[in-house]
């Protein structure tokens, strides 16, 4: 079989040929542990302190610095390249089962809980926002209302990131 040409097409060249070019991104999944770009505190942890998906790392969505870095990466992407579309993927937390404990007063087997986002930054941010003190993990285990607020907090952080980043992308692409 004939070898593929070694020359890569630029976005502009693809457009000249009538080809739409989409940027497909994996927003919060940041690959294997060996490819860390940020500090350890910037990656999601489970309630037991382990990484949320074993050796696959996910950025801490609630961390303001992480949000700023990711937004700046998107701004750079749309500023340098004339993509027709940018698609967010992996724009979520990794696997969680904490929703299944919303009707339980006290979680009796913490080892069965899978819920990412337990970084010091995120926990402190949540406690401050809700005027709470103490160990957030203990509060979540013992209080279903705090459990529900924790899930809502993480959802809101995700929505805020998407909204902010999308608005920044639109400012650039509408020029």
N, C-alpha and C. Protein backbone atom coordinates (compact mmCIF):
# COMPACT_ATOMS: atom_id res chain seq x y z
N UNK A 1 0.81 -1.19 0.00
CA UNK A 1 0.00 0.00 0.00
C UNK A 1 0.86 1.26 0.00
N UNK A 2 0.31 2.28 -0.56
CA UNK A 2 1.00 3.55 -0.66
C UNK A 2 1.06 4.22 0.72
N UNK A 3 2.21 4.80 1.06
CA UNK A 3 2.38 5.47 2.35
C UNK A 3 1.64 6.80 2.36
N UNK A 4 1.16 7.17 3.56
CA UNK A 4 0.51 8.47 3.71
C UNK A 4 1.54 9.56 3.52
N UNK A 5 1.13 10.69 2.95
CA UNK A 5 2.09 11.79 2.81
C UNK A 5 2.53 12.30 4.18
N UNK A 6 3.78 12.72 4.26
CA UNK A 6 4.32 13.18 5.54
C UNK A 6 3.87 14.60 5.86
N UNK A 7 3.45 15.35 4.87
CA UNK A 7 3.03 16.74 5.08
C UNK A 7 1.65 16.77 5.73
N UNK A 8 1.51 17.55 6.77
CA UNK A 8 0.21 17.68 7.43
C UNK A 8 -0.48 18.94 6.93
N UNK A 9 -1.78 18.85 6.81
CA UNK A 9 -2.56 19.99 6.38
C UNK A 9 -2.77 20.97 7.53
N UNK A 10 -2.69 22.23 7.23
CA UNK A 10 -3.05 23.23 8.24
C UNK A 10 -4.56 23.40 8.23
N UNK A 11 -5.07 24.04 9.25
CA UNK A 11 -6.51 24.30 9.31
C UNK A 11 -6.91 25.14 8.10
N UNK A 12 -6.10 26.15 7.77
CA UNK A 12 -6.40 27.01 6.62
C UNK A 12 -6.43 26.20 5.32
N UNK A 13 -5.48 25.31 5.17
CA UNK A 13 -5.43 24.48 3.96
C UNK A 13 -6.63 23.54 3.89
N UNK A 14 -7.02 23.00 5.01
CA UNK A 14 -8.21 22.14 5.05
C UNK A 14 -9.45 22.93 4.63
N UNK A 15 -9.56 24.17 5.12
CA UNK A 15 -10.70 25.01 4.75
C UNK A 15 -10.71 25.29 3.25
N UNK A 16 -9.52 25.55 2.67
CA UNK A 16 -9.44 25.77 1.22
C UNK A 16 -9.98 24.57 0.45
N UNK A 17 -9.84 23.40 1.00
CA UNK A 17 -10.28 22.16 0.35
C UNK A 17 -11.71 21.79 0.73
N UNK A 18 -12.38 22.68 1.48
CA UNK A 18 -13.77 22.44 1.86
C UNK A 18 -13.93 21.47 3.02
N UNK A 19 -12.90 21.32 3.82
CA UNK A 19 -12.92 20.39 4.94
C UNK A 19 -13.16 21.17 6.23
N UNK A 20 -14.16 20.77 6.99
CA UNK A 20 -14.39 21.36 8.30
C UNK A 20 -13.42 20.76 9.30
N UNK A 21 -12.92 21.57 10.21
CA UNK A 21 -11.95 21.09 11.19
C UNK A 21 -12.47 21.38 12.59
N UNK A 22 -12.64 20.32 13.35
CA UNK A 22 -13.13 20.42 14.71
C UNK A 22 -12.02 20.06 15.69
N UNK A 23 -11.96 20.78 16.79
CA UNK A 23 -11.03 20.45 17.86
C UNK A 23 -11.79 19.61 18.88
N UNK A 24 -11.37 18.40 19.05
CA UNK A 24 -11.99 17.48 20.01
C UNK A 24 -11.08 17.45 21.23
N UNK A 25 -11.59 17.90 22.37
CA UNK A 25 -10.75 18.02 23.55
C UNK A 25 -11.24 17.11 24.68
N UNK A 26 -10.33 16.71 25.49
CA UNK A 26 -10.68 15.98 26.71
C UNK A 26 -10.38 16.93 27.86
N UNK A 27 -11.39 17.63 28.29
CA UNK A 27 -11.23 18.79 29.15
C UNK A 27 -10.66 18.46 30.53
N UNK A 28 -11.27 17.55 31.26
CA UNK A 28 -10.84 17.31 32.64
C UNK A 28 -10.02 16.04 32.81
N UNK A 29 -10.03 15.17 31.83
CA UNK A 29 -9.18 13.98 31.92
C UNK A 29 -7.81 14.37 31.41
N UNK A 30 -6.81 14.07 32.19
CA UNK A 30 -5.47 14.50 31.80
C UNK A 30 -4.50 13.33 31.67
N UNK A 31 -5.01 12.19 31.27
CA UNK A 31 -4.22 11.02 30.92
C UNK A 31 -3.54 10.35 32.10
N UNK A 32 -2.43 9.73 31.83
CA UNK A 32 -1.77 8.89 32.83
C UNK A 32 -0.99 9.74 33.83
N UNK A 33 -0.72 9.15 34.97
CA UNK A 33 -0.04 9.86 36.04
C UNK A 33 1.30 10.44 35.59
N UNK A 34 1.98 9.77 34.69
CA UNK A 34 3.29 10.22 34.22
C UNK A 34 3.24 11.50 33.42
N UNK A 35 2.06 11.93 32.99
CA UNK A 35 1.97 13.13 32.16
C UNK A 35 1.43 14.33 32.93
N UNK A 36 1.67 14.37 34.22
CA UNK A 36 1.19 15.48 35.05
C UNK A 36 1.78 16.80 34.56
N UNK A 37 0.90 17.79 34.41
CA UNK A 37 1.34 19.12 34.03
C UNK A 37 1.26 20.09 35.21
N UNK A 38 0.41 19.79 36.16
CA UNK A 38 0.22 20.66 37.31
C UNK A 38 0.68 19.94 38.57
N UNK A 39 0.52 20.57 39.72
CA UNK A 39 0.90 19.96 40.98
C UNK A 39 -0.11 18.90 41.41
N UNK A 40 0.31 18.04 42.31
CA UNK A 40 -0.54 16.95 42.80
C UNK A 40 -1.88 17.45 43.33
N UNK A 41 -1.90 18.62 43.93
CA UNK A 41 -3.13 19.17 44.52
C UNK A 41 -4.17 19.56 43.47
N UNK A 42 -3.81 19.56 42.20
CA UNK A 42 -4.72 19.97 41.13
C UNK A 42 -5.48 18.80 40.50
N UNK A 43 -5.33 17.61 41.06
CA UNK A 43 -5.98 16.42 40.51
C UNK A 43 -6.99 15.85 41.49
N UNK A 44 -8.13 15.40 40.96
CA UNK A 44 -9.20 14.86 41.80
C UNK A 44 -8.74 13.66 42.61
N UNK A 45 -9.26 13.61 43.82
CA UNK A 45 -9.00 12.46 44.70
C UNK A 45 -10.33 11.94 45.21
N UNK A 46 -10.36 10.65 45.48
CA UNK A 46 -11.53 10.03 46.11
C UNK A 46 -11.54 10.33 47.60
N UNK A 47 -12.60 9.94 48.24
CA UNK A 47 -12.74 10.16 49.68
C UNK A 47 -11.62 9.47 50.47
N UNK A 48 -11.06 8.38 49.91
CA UNK A 48 -9.97 7.67 50.59
C UNK A 48 -8.58 8.24 50.25
N UNK A 49 -8.54 9.29 49.41
CA UNK A 49 -7.27 9.92 49.05
C UNK A 49 -6.63 9.38 47.79
N UNK A 50 -7.19 8.32 47.21
CA UNK A 50 -6.64 7.77 45.97
C UNK A 50 -7.09 8.61 44.79
N UNK A 51 -6.37 8.49 43.67
CA UNK A 51 -6.83 9.18 42.47
C UNK A 51 -8.16 8.60 42.04
N UNK A 52 -8.98 9.42 41.44
CA UNK A 52 -10.36 9.03 41.18
C UNK A 52 -10.51 7.88 40.20
N UNK A 53 -9.59 7.68 39.32
CA UNK A 53 -9.69 6.56 38.38
C UNK A 53 -8.37 5.80 38.30
N UNK A 54 -7.80 5.49 39.41
CA UNK A 54 -6.55 4.73 39.41
C UNK A 54 -5.41 5.58 38.88
N UNK A 55 -4.80 5.14 37.77
CA UNK A 55 -3.66 5.89 37.24
C UNK A 55 -4.06 6.90 36.17
N UNK A 56 -5.35 7.07 35.94
CA UNK A 56 -5.83 8.11 35.03
C UNK A 56 -6.21 9.31 35.88
N UNK A 57 -5.65 10.44 35.56
CA UNK A 57 -5.86 11.63 36.36
C UNK A 57 -6.93 12.54 35.76
N UNK A 58 -7.69 13.16 36.64
CA UNK A 58 -8.71 14.14 36.26
C UNK A 58 -8.41 15.42 37.02
N UNK A 59 -8.52 16.55 36.33
CA UNK A 59 -8.29 17.83 36.99
C UNK A 59 -9.37 18.09 38.04
N UNK A 60 -8.99 18.82 39.08
CA UNK A 60 -9.91 19.24 40.13
C UNK A 60 -10.75 20.39 39.59
N UNK A 61 -11.98 20.10 39.26
CA UNK A 61 -12.86 21.05 38.62
C UNK A 61 -13.15 22.26 39.50
N UNK A 62 -13.15 22.10 40.79
CA UNK A 62 -13.50 23.19 41.71
C UNK A 62 -12.34 24.14 41.98
N UNK A 63 -11.16 23.79 41.55
CA UNK A 63 -9.99 24.60 41.81
C UNK A 63 -9.95 25.79 40.85
N UNK A 64 -10.00 27.00 41.39
CA UNK A 64 -10.02 28.21 40.56
C UNK A 64 -8.80 28.31 39.66
N UNK A 65 -7.63 27.94 40.17
CA UNK A 65 -6.41 27.99 39.35
C UNK A 65 -6.53 27.02 38.17
N UNK A 66 -6.99 25.82 38.42
CA UNK A 66 -7.15 24.83 37.35
C UNK A 66 -8.13 25.37 36.30
N UNK A 67 -9.23 25.98 36.75
CA UNK A 67 -10.19 26.55 35.81
C UNK A 67 -9.54 27.63 34.96
N UNK A 68 -8.74 28.49 35.58
CA UNK A 68 -8.05 29.55 34.84
C UNK A 68 -7.08 28.96 33.81
N UNK A 69 -6.32 27.95 34.20
CA UNK A 69 -5.37 27.32 33.28
C UNK A 69 -6.11 26.70 32.10
N UNK A 70 -7.17 25.95 32.38
CA UNK A 70 -7.90 25.31 31.30
C UNK A 70 -8.57 26.33 30.38
N UNK A 71 -9.14 27.37 30.95
CA UNK A 71 -9.74 28.42 30.12
C UNK A 71 -8.67 29.07 29.24
N UNK A 72 -7.50 29.32 29.79
CA UNK A 72 -6.42 29.92 28.99
C UNK A 72 -5.98 28.99 27.87
N UNK A 73 -6.01 27.67 28.10
CA UNK A 73 -5.67 26.73 27.03
C UNK A 73 -6.70 26.82 25.89
N UNK A 74 -7.97 26.93 26.26
CA UNK A 74 -9.00 27.07 25.23
C UNK A 74 -8.86 28.40 24.49
N UNK A 75 -8.56 29.46 25.21
CA UNK A 75 -8.36 30.76 24.56
C UNK A 75 -7.21 30.67 23.57
N UNK A 76 -6.13 30.02 23.97
CA UNK A 76 -4.99 29.84 23.06
C UNK A 76 -5.40 29.02 21.84
N UNK A 77 -6.17 27.99 22.05
CA UNK A 77 -6.62 27.13 20.96
C UNK A 77 -7.42 27.91 19.92
N UNK A 78 -8.37 28.71 20.37
CA UNK A 78 -9.20 29.45 19.42
C UNK A 78 -8.48 30.68 18.87
N UNK A 79 -7.49 31.18 19.59
CA UNK A 79 -6.73 32.34 19.10
C UNK A 79 -5.74 31.95 18.00
N UNK A 80 -5.16 30.78 18.11
CA UNK A 80 -4.14 30.35 17.15
C UNK A 80 -4.70 29.62 15.94
N UNK A 81 -5.84 28.97 16.09
CA UNK A 81 -6.36 28.12 15.02
C UNK A 81 -7.81 28.49 14.70
N UNK A 82 -8.15 28.40 13.45
CA UNK A 82 -9.49 28.75 12.99
C UNK A 82 -10.37 27.51 12.92
N UNK A 83 -10.60 26.89 14.07
CA UNK A 83 -11.44 25.70 14.09
C UNK A 83 -12.89 26.06 13.81
N UNK A 84 -13.59 25.14 13.19
CA UNK A 84 -15.01 25.33 12.92
C UNK A 84 -15.84 25.05 14.17
N UNK A 85 -15.32 24.23 15.01
CA UNK A 85 -16.07 23.84 16.21
C UNK A 85 -15.06 23.33 17.24
N UNK A 86 -15.36 23.59 18.49
CA UNK A 86 -14.57 23.01 19.59
C UNK A 86 -15.53 22.18 20.42
N UNK A 87 -15.16 20.94 20.63
CA UNK A 87 -16.03 20.04 21.38
C UNK A 87 -15.40 19.71 22.72
N UNK A 88 -16.16 19.99 23.77
CA UNK A 88 -15.73 19.58 25.10
C UNK A 88 -16.05 18.09 25.25
N UNK A 89 -15.10 17.34 25.73
CA UNK A 89 -15.38 15.96 26.11
C UNK A 89 -14.70 15.74 27.46
N UNK A 90 -15.11 14.69 28.12
CA UNK A 90 -14.66 14.42 29.48
C UNK A 90 -14.86 15.70 30.31
N UNK A 91 -16.02 16.30 30.15
CA UNK A 91 -16.37 17.53 30.86
C UNK A 91 -17.27 17.13 32.02
N UNK A 92 -16.72 16.30 32.87
CA UNK A 92 -17.49 15.75 33.98
C UNK A 92 -16.52 15.26 35.04
N UNK A 93 -17.09 14.92 36.16
CA UNK A 93 -16.30 14.23 37.18
C UNK A 93 -16.19 12.77 36.77
N UNK A 94 -15.15 12.12 37.22
CA UNK A 94 -15.06 10.69 36.99
C UNK A 94 -16.14 9.99 37.82
N UNK A 95 -16.22 8.71 37.75
CA UNK A 95 -17.32 7.92 38.33
C UNK A 95 -17.64 8.27 39.78
N UNK A 96 -18.93 8.35 40.08
CA UNK A 96 -19.38 8.60 41.45
C UNK A 96 -20.58 7.71 41.75
N UNK A 97 -20.71 7.32 42.99
CA UNK A 97 -21.92 6.61 43.43
C UNK A 97 -22.55 7.32 44.64
N UNK A 98 -22.09 8.52 44.94
CA UNK A 98 -22.59 9.23 46.11
C UNK A 98 -24.08 9.54 46.01
N UNK A 99 -24.59 9.67 44.78
CA UNK A 99 -26.04 9.89 44.61
C UNK A 99 -26.87 8.77 45.24
N UNK A 100 -26.32 7.57 45.23
CA UNK A 100 -27.07 6.44 45.78
C UNK A 100 -27.16 6.49 47.30
N UNK A 101 -26.46 7.41 47.93
CA UNK A 101 -26.49 7.55 49.38
C UNK A 101 -27.27 8.78 49.83
N UNK A 102 -28.02 9.41 48.94
CA UNK A 102 -28.74 10.63 49.30
C UNK A 102 -29.93 10.38 50.22
N UNK A 103 -30.44 9.16 50.22
CA UNK A 103 -31.57 8.86 51.11
C UNK A 103 -31.14 8.10 52.37
N UNK A 104 -29.85 8.02 52.61
CA UNK A 104 -29.30 7.32 53.76
C UNK A 104 -28.82 8.36 54.76
N UNK A 105 -29.22 8.20 56.03
CA UNK A 105 -28.81 9.17 57.04
C UNK A 105 -27.30 9.14 57.28
N UNK A 106 -26.75 7.95 57.49
CA UNK A 106 -25.33 7.80 57.75
C UNK A 106 -24.79 6.70 56.83
N UNK A 107 -23.68 6.98 56.19
CA UNK A 107 -23.03 5.96 55.35
C UNK A 107 -22.23 5.06 56.27
N UNK A 108 -22.60 3.79 56.32
CA UNK A 108 -21.94 2.88 57.27
C UNK A 108 -20.68 2.24 56.70
N UNK A 109 -20.59 2.10 55.39
CA UNK A 109 -19.40 1.49 54.79
C UNK A 109 -18.75 2.49 53.83
N UNK A 110 -17.87 3.31 54.36
CA UNK A 110 -17.20 4.35 53.58
C UNK A 110 -16.38 3.76 52.44
N UNK A 111 -15.89 2.53 52.61
CA UNK A 111 -15.08 1.89 51.58
C UNK A 111 -15.84 1.68 50.28
N UNK A 112 -17.15 1.73 50.34
CA UNK A 112 -17.96 1.53 49.13
C UNK A 112 -18.26 2.84 48.41
N UNK A 113 -17.91 3.96 49.04
CA UNK A 113 -18.18 5.28 48.44
C UNK A 113 -17.14 5.58 47.37
N UNK A 114 -17.63 5.94 46.20
CA UNK A 114 -16.77 6.40 45.11
C UNK A 114 -17.27 7.79 44.73
N UNK A 115 -16.46 8.77 45.03
CA UNK A 115 -16.83 10.14 44.68
C UNK A 115 -15.57 10.97 44.58
N UNK A 116 -15.28 11.50 43.41
CA UNK A 116 -14.07 12.30 43.24
C UNK A 116 -14.26 13.74 43.69
N UNK A 117 -13.18 14.43 43.87
CA UNK A 117 -13.22 15.85 44.17
C UNK A 117 -12.74 16.21 45.55
N UNK A 118 -12.22 15.26 46.30
CA UNK A 118 -11.81 15.51 47.68
C UNK A 118 -10.38 16.03 47.76
N UNK A 119 -10.16 17.16 47.13
CA UNK A 119 -8.87 17.83 47.30
C UNK A 119 -9.02 18.82 48.44
N UNK A 120 -7.92 19.19 49.04
CA UNK A 120 -7.96 20.17 50.13
C UNK A 120 -8.62 21.46 49.64
N UNK A 121 -8.25 21.89 48.45
CA UNK A 121 -8.79 23.14 47.90
C UNK A 121 -10.31 23.07 47.79
N UNK A 122 -10.81 22.02 47.16
CA UNK A 122 -12.26 21.89 46.94
C UNK A 122 -13.02 21.76 48.25
N UNK A 123 -12.46 20.98 49.17
CA UNK A 123 -13.14 20.80 50.45
C UNK A 123 -13.18 22.11 51.23
N UNK A 124 -12.06 22.86 51.24
CA UNK A 124 -12.02 24.15 51.94
C UNK A 124 -12.99 25.14 51.29
N UNK A 125 -13.02 25.15 49.98
CA UNK A 125 -13.92 26.06 49.25
C UNK A 125 -15.38 25.75 49.58
N UNK A 126 -15.72 24.48 49.62
CA UNK A 126 -17.09 24.07 49.95
C UNK A 126 -17.45 24.45 51.39
N UNK A 127 -16.56 24.15 52.32
CA UNK A 127 -16.82 24.47 53.73
C UNK A 127 -17.04 25.97 53.92
N UNK A 128 -16.19 26.78 53.30
CA UNK A 128 -16.31 28.23 53.42
C UNK A 128 -17.62 28.72 52.81
N UNK A 129 -17.94 28.25 51.63
CA UNK A 129 -19.16 28.65 50.94
C UNK A 129 -20.42 28.33 51.74
N UNK A 130 -20.38 27.23 52.48
CA UNK A 130 -21.54 26.78 53.25
C UNK A 130 -21.44 27.08 54.75
N UNK A 131 -20.45 27.90 55.12
CA UNK A 131 -20.26 28.27 56.54
C UNK A 131 -20.20 27.05 57.44
N UNK A 132 -19.43 26.05 57.03
CA UNK A 132 -19.28 24.83 57.80
C UNK A 132 -17.87 24.74 58.35
N UNK A 133 -17.71 24.01 59.41
CA UNK A 133 -16.39 23.73 59.97
C UNK A 133 -16.30 22.22 60.20
N UNK A 134 -15.09 21.76 60.36
CA UNK A 134 -14.87 20.34 60.63
C UNK A 134 -14.31 19.63 59.42
N UNK A 135 -14.29 18.33 59.52
CA UNK A 135 -13.76 17.48 58.45
C UNK A 135 -14.90 17.18 57.47
N UNK A 136 -14.76 17.66 56.24
CA UNK A 136 -15.83 17.51 55.26
C UNK A 136 -16.16 16.04 55.00
N UNK A 137 -15.17 15.19 54.96
CA UNK A 137 -15.45 13.77 54.70
C UNK A 137 -16.36 13.19 55.78
N UNK A 138 -16.08 13.54 57.03
CA UNK A 138 -16.91 13.08 58.13
C UNK A 138 -18.32 13.66 58.03
N UNK A 139 -18.41 14.94 57.69
CA UNK A 139 -19.72 15.58 57.53
C UNK A 139 -20.53 14.89 56.43
N UNK A 140 -19.89 14.57 55.32
CA UNK A 140 -20.58 13.92 54.20
C UNK A 140 -21.05 12.53 54.60
N UNK A 141 -20.24 11.81 55.33
CA UNK A 141 -20.61 10.46 55.76
C UNK A 141 -21.81 10.50 56.70
N UNK A 142 -21.89 11.52 57.54
CA UNK A 142 -22.90 11.57 58.60
C UNK A 142 -24.11 12.45 58.32
N UNK A 143 -24.15 13.14 57.18
CA UNK A 143 -25.25 14.08 56.96
C UNK A 143 -25.67 14.08 55.49
N UNK A 144 -26.86 13.58 55.21
CA UNK A 144 -27.31 13.47 53.82
C UNK A 144 -27.57 14.84 53.19
N UNK A 145 -27.90 15.86 53.99
CA UNK A 145 -28.09 17.20 53.44
C UNK A 145 -26.76 17.78 52.96
N UNK A 146 -25.72 17.57 53.72
CA UNK A 146 -24.39 18.04 53.30
C UNK A 146 -23.93 17.25 52.08
N UNK A 147 -24.23 15.98 52.05
CA UNK A 147 -23.93 15.14 50.89
C UNK A 147 -24.55 15.74 49.62
N UNK A 148 -25.83 16.09 49.72
CA UNK A 148 -26.55 16.67 48.57
C UNK A 148 -25.95 18.02 48.18
N UNK A 149 -25.60 18.84 49.19
CA UNK A 149 -24.98 20.14 48.90
C UNK A 149 -23.62 19.98 48.23
N UNK A 150 -22.88 18.96 48.64
CA UNK A 150 -21.56 18.68 48.04
C UNK A 150 -21.72 18.35 46.56
N UNK A 151 -22.67 17.49 46.24
CA UNK A 151 -22.90 17.14 44.84
C UNK A 151 -23.36 18.36 44.04
N UNK A 152 -24.22 19.16 44.63
CA UNK A 152 -24.70 20.38 43.96
C UNK A 152 -23.56 21.38 43.75
N UNK A 153 -22.71 21.52 44.74
CA UNK A 153 -21.54 22.40 44.66
C UNK A 153 -20.66 22.01 43.48
N UNK A 154 -20.36 20.72 43.36
CA UNK A 154 -19.50 20.27 42.27
C UNK A 154 -20.16 20.48 40.92
N UNK A 155 -21.46 20.23 40.85
CA UNK A 155 -22.20 20.46 39.60
C UNK A 155 -22.15 21.94 39.22
N UNK A 156 -22.35 22.82 40.19
CA UNK A 156 -22.32 24.26 39.92
C UNK A 156 -20.93 24.72 39.47
N UNK A 157 -19.90 24.18 40.07
CA UNK A 157 -18.54 24.52 39.65
C UNK A 157 -18.30 24.12 38.20
N UNK A 158 -18.78 22.96 37.84
CA UNK A 158 -18.65 22.48 36.46
C UNK A 158 -19.41 23.40 35.50
N UNK A 159 -20.63 23.74 35.83
CA UNK A 159 -21.45 24.62 35.00
C UNK A 159 -20.80 25.99 34.87
N UNK A 160 -20.29 26.52 35.98
CA UNK A 160 -19.62 27.82 35.93
C UNK A 160 -18.39 27.79 35.03
N UNK A 161 -17.62 26.72 35.10
CA UNK A 161 -16.45 26.61 34.23
C UNK A 161 -16.87 26.59 32.76
N UNK A 162 -17.83 25.76 32.43
CA UNK A 162 -18.28 25.66 31.04
C UNK A 162 -18.80 27.01 30.55
N UNK A 163 -19.60 27.68 31.37
CA UNK A 163 -20.17 28.97 30.98
C UNK A 163 -19.07 30.01 30.76
N UNK A 164 -18.16 30.12 31.71
CA UNK A 164 -17.07 31.10 31.60
C UNK A 164 -16.21 30.82 30.37
N UNK A 165 -15.80 29.58 30.20
CA UNK A 165 -14.92 29.23 29.09
C UNK A 165 -15.62 29.43 27.75
N UNK A 166 -16.86 29.01 27.66
CA UNK A 166 -17.61 29.18 26.41
C UNK A 166 -17.77 30.66 26.08
N UNK A 167 -18.06 31.48 27.07
CA UNK A 167 -18.18 32.92 26.83
C UNK A 167 -16.86 33.53 26.35
N UNK A 168 -15.74 33.09 26.91
CA UNK A 168 -14.43 33.57 26.47
C UNK A 168 -14.14 33.13 25.03
N UNK A 169 -14.49 31.91 24.71
CA UNK A 169 -14.29 31.41 23.34
C UNK A 169 -15.14 32.22 22.36
N UNK A 170 -16.37 32.49 22.73
CA UNK A 170 -17.28 33.25 21.85
C UNK A 170 -16.76 34.67 21.62
N UNK A 171 -16.19 35.30 22.63
CA UNK A 171 -15.63 36.65 22.45
C UNK A 171 -14.58 36.66 21.37
N UNK A 172 -13.74 35.63 21.36
CA UNK A 172 -12.65 35.56 20.38
C UNK A 172 -13.17 35.18 19.00
N UNK A 173 -14.04 34.18 18.95
CA UNK A 173 -14.51 33.69 17.65
C UNK A 173 -15.50 34.61 16.98
N UNK A 174 -16.10 35.53 17.73
CA UNK A 174 -17.04 36.49 17.12
C UNK A 174 -16.36 37.75 16.60
N UNK A 175 -15.05 37.84 16.78
CA UNK A 175 -14.31 39.04 16.31
C UNK A 175 -14.08 38.97 14.83
